[in-house]
Amino acid sequence: MGESVALKKSVTIPADLLEQVAGLNPAGNLSAYVTEALRAKVEQDNLAQLLDELRAEHGPEDPADVARWNQILA
């Protein structure tokens, strides 16, 4: 994935969450931390959308298959 242009935006973050982030991110690069979190959330949302599409096309997953794949991937 290539570099993209960075844009500056203003966001509001609850103080308690910002304190937790500061404790987990001792280097203090809040922009990098937030960017990583947003990328993970976008990936999660894209996967959820894909699952919804697959379920609409093929029906719900078989719980036995899910359990088997969870063991394989664990």
PDB file of N, CA and C in Angstrom:
ATOM      1  N   MET A   1       0.847  -1.166   0.000  1.00  0.00           N
ATOM      2  CA  MET A   1       0.000   0.000   0.000  1.00  0.00           C
ATOM      3  C   MET A   1       0.897   1.234   0.000  1.00  0.00           C
ATOM      4  N   GLY A   2       0.626   2.177  -0.906  1.00  0.00           N
ATOM      5  CA  GLY A   2       1.443   3.369  -1.015  1.00  0.00           C
ATOM      6  C   GLY A   2       1.125   4.391   0.056  1.00  0.00           C
ATOM      7  N   GLU A   3       2.011   5.364   0.140  1.00  0.00           N
ATOM      8  CA  GLU A   3       1.804   6.455   1.082  1.00  0.00           C
ATOM      9  C   GLU A   3       0.653   7.312   0.602  1.00  0.00           C
ATOM     10  N   SER A   4      -0.118   7.817   1.516  1.00  0.00           N
ATOM     11  CA  SER A   4      -1.199   8.722   1.163  1.00  0.00           C
ATOM     12  C   SER A   4      -0.948  10.065   1.831  1.00  0.00           C
ATOM     13  N   VAL A   5      -1.648  11.046   1.355  1.00  0.00           N
ATOM     14  CA  VAL A   5      -1.526  12.386   1.908  1.00  0.00           C
ATOM     15  C   VAL A   5      -2.168  12.399   3.287  1.00  0.00           C
ATOM     16  N   ALA A   6      -1.470  12.978   4.241  1.00  0.00           N
ATOM     17  CA  ALA A   6      -2.004  13.089   5.595  1.00  0.00           C
ATOM     18  C   ALA A   6      -2.807  14.380   5.702  1.00  0.00           C
ATOM     19  N   LEU A   7      -3.963  14.269   6.302  1.00  0.00           N
ATOM     20  CA  LEU A   7      -4.808  15.427   6.546  1.00  0.00           C
ATOM     21  C   LEU A   7      -4.918  15.655   8.040  1.00  0.00           C
ATOM     22  N   LYS A   8      -5.012  16.868   8.425  1.00  0.00           N
ATOM     23  CA  LYS A   8      -5.132  17.206   9.831  1.00  0.00           C
ATOM     24  C   LYS A   8      -6.612  17.385  10.160  1.00  0.00           C
ATOM     25  N   LYS A   9      -7.080  16.683  11.182  1.00  0.00           N
ATOM     26  CA  LYS A   9      -8.460  16.767  11.642  1.00  0.00           C
ATOM     27  C   LYS A   9      -8.467  16.959  13.143  1.00  0.00           C
ATOM     28  N   SER A  10      -9.532  17.501  13.635  1.00  0.00           N
ATOM     29  CA  SER A  10      -9.702  17.669  15.074  1.00  0.00           C
ATOM     30  C   SER A  10     -10.694  16.620  15.561  1.00  0.00           C
ATOM     31  N   VAL A  11     -10.336  15.909  16.624  1.00  0.00           N
ATOM     32  CA  VAL A  11     -11.235  14.917  17.214  1.00  0.00           C
ATOM     33  C   VAL A  11     -11.330  15.165  18.713  1.00  0.00           C
ATOM     34  N   THR A  12     -12.415  14.713  19.284  1.00  0.00           N
ATOM     35  CA  THR A  12     -12.607  14.809  20.724  1.00  0.00           C
ATOM     36  C   THR A  12     -12.460  13.417  21.304  1.00  0.00           C
ATOM     37  N   ILE A  13     -11.574  13.284  22.289  1.00  0.00           N
ATOM     38  CA  ILE A  13     -11.285  11.990  22.914  1.00  0.00           C
ATOM     39  C   ILE A  13     -11.547  12.130  24.406  1.00  0.00           C
ATOM     40  N   PRO A  14     -12.322  11.211  24.998  1.00  0.00           N
ATOM     41  CA  PRO A  14     -12.545  11.289  26.442  1.00  0.00           C
ATOM     42  C   PRO A  14     -11.220  11.262  27.204  1.00  0.00           C
ATOM     43  N   ALA A  15     -11.139  12.049  28.251  1.00  0.00           N
ATOM     44  CA  ALA A  15      -9.895  12.201  29.015  1.00  0.00           C
ATOM     45  C   ALA A  15      -9.383  10.872  29.549  1.00  0.00           C
ATOM     46  N   ASP A  16     -10.280  10.020  30.048  1.00  0.00           N
ATOM     47  CA  ASP A  16      -9.827   8.747  30.611  1.00  0.00           C
ATOM     48  C   ASP A  16      -9.216   7.851  29.538  1.00  0.00           C
ATOM     49  N   LEU A  17      -9.779   7.890  28.338  1.00  0.00           N
ATOM     50  CA  LEU A  17      -9.231   7.093  27.241  1.00  0.00           C
ATOM     51  C   LEU A  17      -7.872   7.646  26.810  1.00  0.00           C
ATOM     52  N   LEU A  18      -7.755   8.943  26.743  1.00  0.00           N
ATOM     53  CA  LEU A  18      -6.487   9.562  26.378  1.00  0.00           C
ATOM     54  C   LEU A  18      -5.394   9.229  27.390  1.00  0.00           C
ATOM     55  N   GLU A  19      -5.749   9.164  28.671  1.00  0.00           N
ATOM     56  CA  GLU A  19      -4.789   8.765  29.700  1.00  0.00           C
ATOM     57  C   GLU A  19      -4.341   7.326  29.500  1.00  0.00           C
ATOM     58  N   GLN A  20      -5.284   6.447  29.156  1.00  0.00           N
ATOM     59  CA  GLN A  20      -4.930   5.045  28.909  1.00  0.00           C
ATOM     60  C   GLN A  20      -4.000   4.929  27.709  1.00  0.00           C
ATOM     61  N   VAL A  21      -4.290   5.681  26.659  1.00  0.00           N
ATOM     62  CA  VAL A  21      -3.441   5.662  25.462  1.00  0.00           C
ATOM     63  C   VAL A  21      -2.043   6.150  25.811  1.00  0.00           C
ATOM     64  N   ALA A  22      -1.952   7.194  26.594  1.00  0.00           N
ATOM     65  CA  ALA A  22      -0.641   7.723  26.987  1.00  0.00           C
ATOM     66  C   ALA A  22       0.161   6.661  27.735  1.00  0.00           C
ATOM     67  N   GLY A  23      -0.512   5.869  28.564  1.00  0.00           N
ATOM     68  CA  GLY A  23       0.171   4.805  29.294  1.00  0.00           C
ATOM     69  C   GLY A  23       0.621   3.663  28.405  1.00  0.00           C
ATOM     70  N   LEU A  24      -0.120   3.418  27.332  1.00  0.00           N
ATOM     71  CA  LEU A  24       0.214   2.329  26.407  1.00  0.00           C
ATOM     72  C   LEU A  24       1.157   2.770  25.298  1.00  0.00           C
ATOM     73  N   ASN A  25       1.321   4.061  25.158  1.00  0.00           N
ATOM     74  CA  ASN A  25       2.089   4.623  24.051  1.00  0.00           C
ATOM     75  C   ASN A  25       3.147   5.574  24.592  1.00  0.00           C
ATOM     76  N   PRO A  26       4.163   5.012  25.269  1.00  0.00           N
ATOM     77  CA  PRO A  26       5.145   5.870  25.934  1.00  0.00           C
ATOM     78  C   PRO A  26       5.939   6.765  24.981  1.00  0.00           C
ATOM     79  N   ALA A  27       6.028   6.400  23.701  1.00  0.00           N
ATOM     80  CA  ALA A  27       6.732   7.252  22.741  1.00  0.00           C
ATOM     81  C   ALA A  27       5.969   8.545  22.497  1.00  0.00           C
ATOM     82  N   GLY A  28       4.663   8.519  22.771  1.00  0.00           N
ATOM     83  CA  GLY A  28       3.866   9.729  22.697  1.00  0.00           C
ATOM     84  C   GLY A  28       3.419  10.138  21.312  1.00  0.00           C
ATOM     85  N   ASN A  29       3.524   9.267  20.316  1.00  0.00           N
ATOM     86  CA  ASN A  29       3.080   9.624  18.971  1.00  0.00           C
ATOM     87  C   ASN A  29       1.595   9.282  18.839  1.00  0.00           C
ATOM     88  N   LEU A  30       0.764  10.205  19.284  1.00  0.00           N
ATOM     89  CA  LEU A  30      -0.681   9.981  19.284  1.00  0.00           C
ATOM     90  C   LEU A  30      -1.218   9.787  17.873  1.00  0.00           C
ATOM     91  N   SER A  31      -0.725  10.550  16.918  1.00  0.00           N
ATOM     92  CA  SER A  31      -1.204  10.417  15.539  1.00  0.00           C
ATOM     93  C   SER A  31      -0.965   9.008  15.003  1.00  0.00           C
ATOM     94  N   ALA A  32       0.216   8.455  15.236  1.00  0.00           N
ATOM     95  CA  ALA A  32       0.517   7.106  14.767  1.00  0.00           C
ATOM     96  C   ALA A  32      -0.369   6.079  15.468  1.00  0.00           C
ATOM     97  N   TYR A  33      -0.600   6.277  16.754  1.00  0.00           N
ATOM     98  CA  TYR A  33      -1.432   5.346  17.527  1.00  0.00           C
ATOM     99  C   TYR A  33      -2.872   5.363  17.012  1.00  0.00           C
ATOM    100  N   VAL A  34      -3.402   6.557  16.793  1.00  0.00           N
ATOM    101  CA  VAL A  34      -4.772   6.697  16.304  1.00  0.00           C
ATOM    102  C   VAL A  34      -4.882   6.151  14.883  1.00  0.00           C
ATOM    103  N   THR A  35      -3.904   6.410  14.040  1.00  0.00           N
ATOM    104  CA  THR A  35      -3.915   5.900  12.673  1.00  0.00           C
ATOM    105  C   THR A  35      -3.945   4.373  12.675  1.00  0.00           C
ATOM    106  N   GLU A  36      -3.123   3.757  13.511  1.00  0.00           N
ATOM    107  CA  GLU A  36      -3.103   2.291  13.604  1.00  0.00           C
ATOM    108  C   GLU A  36      -4.461   1.759  14.067  1.00  0.00           C
ATOM    109  N   ALA A  37      -5.055   2.422  15.050  1.00  0.00           N
ATOM    110  CA  ALA A  37      -6.362   1.996  15.556  1.00  0.00           C
ATOM    111  C   ALA A  37      -7.448   2.156  14.491  1.00  0.00           C
ATOM    112  N   LEU A  38      -7.418   3.249  13.747  1.00  0.00           N
ATOM    113  CA  LEU A  38      -8.408   3.459  12.699  1.00  0.00           C
ATOM    114  C   LEU A  38      -8.253   2.446  11.574  1.00  0.00           C
ATOM    115  N   ARG A  39      -7.006   2.137  11.204  1.00  0.00           N
ATOM    116  CA  ARG A  39      -6.790   1.119  10.169  1.00  0.00           C
ATOM    117  C   ARG A  39      -7.342  -0.239  10.621  1.00  0.00           C
ATOM    118  N   ALA A  40      -7.118  -0.600  11.876  1.00  0.00           N
ATOM    119  CA  ALA A  40      -7.630  -1.871  12.400  1.00  0.00           C
ATOM    120  C   ALA A  40      -9.155  -1.881  12.393  1.00  0.00           C
ATOM    121  N   LYS A  41      -9.767  -0.767  12.746  1.00  0.00           N
ATOM    122  CA  LYS A  41     -11.231  -0.676  12.776  1.00  0.00           C
ATOM    123  C   LYS A  41     -11.802  -0.768  11.366  1.00  0.00           C
ATOM    124  N   VAL A  42     -11.178  -0.111  10.395  1.00  0.00           N
ATOM    125  CA  VAL A  42     -11.634  -0.195   9.004  1.00  0.00           C
ATOM    126  C   VAL A  42     -11.531  -1.634   8.506  1.00  0.00           C
ATOM    127  N   GLU A  43     -10.432  -2.306   8.824  1.00  0.00           N
ATOM    128  CA  GLU A  43     -10.271  -3.708   8.421  1.00  0.00           C
ATOM    129  C   GLU A  43     -11.355  -4.582   9.052  1.00  0.00           C
ATOM    130  N   GLN A  44     -11.621  -4.354  10.328  1.00  0.00           N
ATOM    131  CA  GLN A  44     -12.662  -5.116  11.028  1.00  0.00           C
ATOM    132  C   GLN A  44     -14.031  -4.865  10.384  1.00  0.00           C
ATOM    133  N   ASP A  45     -14.340  -3.620  10.088  1.00  0.00           N
ATOM    134  CA  ASP A  45     -15.623  -3.292   9.460  1.00  0.00           C
ATOM    135  C   ASP A  45     -15.731  -3.901   8.067  1.00  0.00           C
ATOM    136  N   ASN A  46     -14.633  -3.884   7.301  1.00  0.00           N
ATOM    137  CA  ASN A  46     -14.642  -4.498   5.968  1.00  0.00           C
ATOM    138  C   ASN A  46     -14.876  -5.999   6.051  1.00  0.00           C
ATOM    139  N   LEU A  47     -14.248  -6.647   7.027  1.00  0.00           N
ATOM    140  CA  LEU A  47     -14.462  -8.090   7.204  1.00  0.00           C
ATOM    141  C   LEU A  47     -15.895  -8.392   7.617  1.00  0.00           C
ATOM    142  N   ALA A  48     -16.467  -7.565   8.477  1.00  0.00           N
ATOM    143  CA  ALA A  48     -17.859  -7.751   8.895  1.00  0.00           C
ATOM    144  C   ALA A  48     -18.794  -7.602   7.694  1.00  0.00           C
ATOM    145  N   GLN A  49     -18.520  -6.633   6.833  1.00  0.00           N
ATOM    146  CA  GLN A  49     -19.329  -6.439   5.633  1.00  0.00           C
ATOM    147  C   GLN A  49     -19.210  -7.647   4.703  1.00  0.00           C
ATOM    148  N   LEU A  50     -17.998  -8.167   4.551  1.00  0.00           N
ATOM    149  CA  LEU A  50     -17.797  -9.352   3.722  1.00  0.00           C
ATOM    150  C   LEU A  50     -18.570 -10.546   4.281  1.00  0.00           C
ATOM    151  N   LEU A  51     -18.510 -10.730   5.592  1.00  0.00           N
ATOM    152  CA  LEU A  51     -19.267 -11.824   6.211  1.00  0.00           C
ATOM    153  C   LEU A  51     -20.763 -11.669   5.975  1.00  0.00           C
ATOM    154  N   ASP A  52     -21.270 -10.454   6.102  1.00  0.00           N
ATOM    155  CA  ASP A  52     -22.696 -10.209   5.843  1.00  0.00           C
ATOM    156  C   ASP A  52     -23.053 -10.578   4.409  1.00  0.00           C
ATOM    157  N   GLU A  53     -22.194 -10.207   3.459  1.00  0.00           N
ATOM    158  CA  GLU A  53     -22.442 -10.531   2.054  1.00  0.00           C
ATOM    159  C   GLU A  53     -22.405 -12.037   1.821  1.00  0.00           C
ATOM    160  N   LEU A  54     -21.433 -12.719   2.424  1.00  0.00           N
ATOM    161  CA  LEU A  54     -21.338 -14.173   2.269  1.00  0.00           C
ATOM    162  C   LEU A  54     -22.540 -14.869   2.886  1.00  0.00           C
ATOM    163  N   ARG A  55     -22.975 -14.389   4.057  1.00  0.00           N
ATOM    164  CA  ARG A  55     -24.155 -14.989   4.686  1.00  0.00           C
ATOM    165  C   ARG A  55     -25.404 -14.765   3.839  1.00  0.00           C
ATOM    166  N   ALA A  56     -25.524 -13.598   3.219  1.00  0.00           N
ATOM    167  CA  ALA A  56     -26.682 -13.315   2.366  1.00  0.00           C
ATOM    168  C   ALA A  56     -26.680 -14.225   1.142  1.00  0.00           C
ATOM    169  N   GLU A  57     -25.496 -14.506   0.625  1.00  0.00           N
ATOM    170  CA  GLU A  57     -25.389 -15.325  -0.579  1.00  0.00           C
ATOM    171  C   GLU A  57     -25.452 -16.822  -0.289  1.00  0.00           C
ATOM    172  N   HIS A  58     -24.838 -17.260   0.829  1.00  0.00           N
ATOM    173  CA  HIS A  58     -24.687 -18.699   1.090  1.00  0.00           C
ATOM    174  C   HIS A  58     -25.409 -19.188   2.339  1.00  0.00           C
ATOM    175  N   GLY A  59     -26.019 -18.304   3.084  1.00  0.00           N
ATOM    176  CA  GLY A  59     -26.678 -18.695   4.319  1.00  0.00           C
ATOM    177  C   GLY A  59     -25.707 -18.658   5.489  1.00  0.00           C
ATOM    178  N   PRO A  60     -26.234 -18.907   6.688  1.00  0.00           N
ATOM    179  CA  PRO A  60     -25.395 -18.826   7.893  1.00  0.00           C
ATOM    180  C   PRO A  60     -24.345 -19.931   7.928  1.00  0.00           C
ATOM    181  N   GLU A  61     -23.279 -19.660   8.665  1.00  0.00           N
ATOM    182  CA  GLU A  61     -22.196 -20.635   8.782  1.00  0.00           C
ATOM    183  C   GLU A  61     -22.620 -21.789   9.688  1.00  0.00           C
ATOM    184  N   ASP A  62     -22.015 -22.927   9.454  1.00  0.00           N
ATOM    185  CA  ASP A  62     -22.260 -24.123  10.259  1.00  0.00           C
ATOM    186  C   ASP A  62     -21.428 -24.010  11.539  1.00  0.00           C
ATOM    187  N   PRO A  63     -22.066 -24.066  12.718  1.00  0.00           N
ATOM    188  CA  PRO A  63     -21.314 -23.940  13.973  1.00  0.00           C
ATOM    189  C   PRO A  63     -20.182 -24.955  14.106  1.00  0.00           C
ATOM    190  N   ALA A  64     -20.349 -26.152  13.573  1.00  0.00           N
ATOM    191  CA  ALA A  64     -19.286 -27.162  13.640  1.00  0.00           C
ATOM    192  C   ALA A  64     -18.081 -26.723  12.812  1.00  0.00           C
ATOM    193  N   ASP A  65     -18.339 -26.118  11.641  1.00  0.00           N
ATOM    194  CA  ASP A  65     -17.234 -25.606  10.822  1.00  0.00           C
ATOM    195  C   ASP A  65     -16.518 -24.467  11.526  1.00  0.00           C
ATOM    196  N   VAL A  66     -17.274 -23.590  12.161  1.00  0.00           N
ATOM    197  CA  VAL A  66     -16.677 -22.461  12.894  1.00  0.00           C
ATOM    198  C   VAL A  66     -15.791 -22.983  14.009  1.00  0.00           C
ATOM    199  N   ALA A  67     -16.265 -23.957  14.759  1.00  0.00           N
ATOM    200  CA  ALA A  67     -15.484 -24.519  15.863  1.00  0.00           C
ATOM    201  C   ALA A  67     -14.197 -25.166  15.333  1.00  0.00           C
ATOM    202  N   ARG A  68     -14.322 -25.886  14.221  1.00  0.00           N
ATOM    203  CA  ARG A  68     -13.155 -26.546  13.629  1.00  0.00           C
ATOM    204  C   ARG A  68     -12.125 -25.511  13.183  1.00  0.00           C
ATOM    205  N   TRP A  69     -12.555 -24.471  12.508  1.00  0.00           N
ATOM    206  CA  TRP A  69     -11.625 -23.439  12.049  1.00  0.00           C
ATOM    207  C   TRP A  69     -11.039 -22.648  13.210  1.00  0.00           C
ATOM    208  N   ASN A  70     -11.797 -22.439  14.263  1.00  0.00           N
ATOM    209  CA  ASN A  70     -11.253 -21.778  15.448  1.00  0.00           C
ATOM    210  C   ASN A  70     -10.126 -22.606  16.049  1.00  0.00           C
ATOM    211  N   GLN A  71     -10.270 -23.923  16.060  1.00  0.00           N
ATOM    212  CA  GLN A  71      -9.184 -24.778  16.563  1.00  0.00           C
ATOM    213  C   GLN A  71      -7.969 -24.713  15.650  1.00  0.00           C
ATOM    214  N   ILE A  72      -8.200 -24.729  14.360  1.00  0.00           N
ATOM    215  CA  ILE A  72      -7.099 -24.684  13.404  1.00  0.00           C
ATOM    216  C   ILE A  72      -6.330 -23.372  13.522  1.00  0.00           C
ATOM    217  N   LEU A  73      -7.056 -22.277  13.661  1.00  0.00           N
ATOM    218  CA  LEU A  73      -6.431 -20.954  13.677  1.00  0.00           C
ATOM    219  C   LEU A  73      -5.915 -20.527  15.046  1.00  0.00           C
ATOM    220  N   ALA A  74      -6.237 -21.284  16.077  1.00  0.00           N
ATOM    221  CA  ALA A  74      -5.793 -20.906  17.430  1.00  0.00           C
ATOM    222  C   ALA A  74      -4.313 -21.132  17.621  1.00  0.00           C
TER     223      ALA A  74
END
